[in-house]
């Protein structure tokens, strides 16, 4: 399940983020305004924060479909909240 730190990073890249409400884990990131340019910026921010590199195979629409799918990809790449840099 995505964490508050992950959601905080993600929210900065969504044009239509819900005001004052937590992100639903299975919400459509596309419907929330995540386009291809924002996806690249988000990828860099997540890789920096979690000190990981997502494999090329993970760089696809399915990975960037929902907060849950993206968070799972970060975890598979070796990311963890305990190992993340302080924001």
Protein backbone atom coordinates (compact mmCIF):
# COMPACT_ATOMS: atom_id res chain seq x y z
CA UNK A 1 0.00 0.00 0.00
CA UNK A 2 1.45 3.40 -0.91
CA UNK A 3 2.71 5.45 2.03
CA UNK A 4 2.21 9.13 2.89
CA UNK A 5 5.77 9.92 1.70
CA UNK A 6 5.08 8.24 -1.64
CA UNK A 7 1.75 10.03 -1.98
CA UNK A 8 3.43 13.36 -1.23
CA UNK A 9 5.87 12.87 -4.11
CA UNK A 10 3.13 11.66 -6.42
CA UNK A 11 0.73 14.52 -5.64
CA UNK A 12 3.27 17.08 -6.86
CA UNK A 13 2.96 15.62 -10.35
CA UNK A 14 -0.83 15.34 -10.64
CA UNK A 15 -2.75 18.18 -12.29
CA UNK A 16 -6.08 17.07 -10.81
CA UNK A 17 -5.06 15.90 -7.35
CA UNK A 18 -7.86 15.58 -4.79
CA UNK A 19 -7.83 18.54 -2.38
CA UNK A 20 -7.29 17.50 1.21
CA UNK A 21 -8.13 13.86 0.54
CA UNK A 22 -5.78 10.90 0.40
CA UNK A 23 -5.11 9.27 -2.93
CA UNK A 24 -7.01 6.08 -3.57
CA UNK A 25 -4.49 3.26 -4.24
CA UNK A 26 -6.34 2.19 -7.38
CA UNK A 27 -7.18 5.65 -8.76
CA UNK A 28 -6.33 6.24 -12.41
CA UNK A 29 -3.21 8.40 -12.56
CA UNK A 30 -4.09 9.37 -16.13
CA UNK A 31 -7.47 10.70 -14.97
CA UNK A 32 -5.67 12.63 -12.23
CA UNK A 33 -3.57 14.38 -14.87
CA UNK A 34 -0.37 12.35 -15.07
CA UNK A 35 0.82 12.73 -18.66
CA UNK A 36 4.02 11.47 -20.27
CA UNK A 37 6.11 14.53 -19.35
CA UNK A 38 4.94 14.47 -15.75
CA UNK A 39 5.60 10.70 -15.65
CA UNK A 40 9.26 11.27 -16.50
CA UNK A 41 9.62 13.95 -13.82
CA UNK A 42 7.85 11.70 -11.31
CA UNK A 43 10.14 8.80 -12.20
CA UNK A 44 13.22 10.92 -11.47
CA UNK A 45 11.79 12.11 -8.15
CA UNK A 46 10.89 8.58 -7.04
CA UNK A 47 14.26 7.16 -8.07
CA UNK A 48 16.04 9.95 -6.17
CA UNK A 49 13.90 9.60 -3.05
CA UNK A 50 14.03 5.81 -2.86
CA UNK A 51 17.57 5.49 -4.27
CA UNK A 52 16.50 2.96 -6.90
CA UNK A 53 16.44 2.63 -10.67
CA UNK A 54 13.34 1.15 -12.25
CA UNK A 55 14.07 -1.44 -14.93
CA UNK A 56 13.18 -0.58 -18.51
CA UNK A 57 10.55 -3.33 -18.39
CA UNK A 58 8.78 -1.39 -15.63
CA UNK A 59 8.56 1.80 -17.69
CA UNK A 60 5.15 1.18 -19.18
CA UNK A 61 1.53 2.26 -18.93
CA UNK A 62 0.64 -0.56 -16.52
CA UNK A 63 3.25 0.58 -14.00
CA UNK A 64 2.06 4.19 -14.16
CA UNK A 65 -1.65 3.25 -14.11
CA UNK A 66 -2.36 3.65 -10.38
CA UNK A 67 -0.56 4.71 -7.21
CA UNK A 68 -0.52 1.06 -6.12
CA UNK A 69 1.06 -0.25 -9.33
CA UNK A 70 3.72 2.46 -9.29
CA UNK A 71 4.51 1.93 -5.60
CA UNK A 72 4.80 -1.82 -6.18
CA UNK A 73 7.31 -1.17 -8.98
CA UNK A 74 9.39 1.00 -6.65
CA UNK A 75 9.38 -1.76 -4.02
CA UNK A 76 10.38 -4.38 -6.61
CA UNK A 77 13.30 -2.13 -7.57
CA UNK A 78 14.50 -2.29 -3.97
CA UNK A 79 12.94 0.84 -2.51
CA UNK A 80 11.67 1.05 1.05
CA UNK A 81 10.48 3.83 3.31
CA UNK A 82 13.10 2.92 5.90
CA UNK A 83 15.85 3.30 3.30
CA UNK A 84 14.51 6.48 1.73
CA UNK A 85 16.30 9.76 1.98
CA UNK A 86 14.72 12.39 4.17
CA UNK A 87 12.62 14.80 2.14
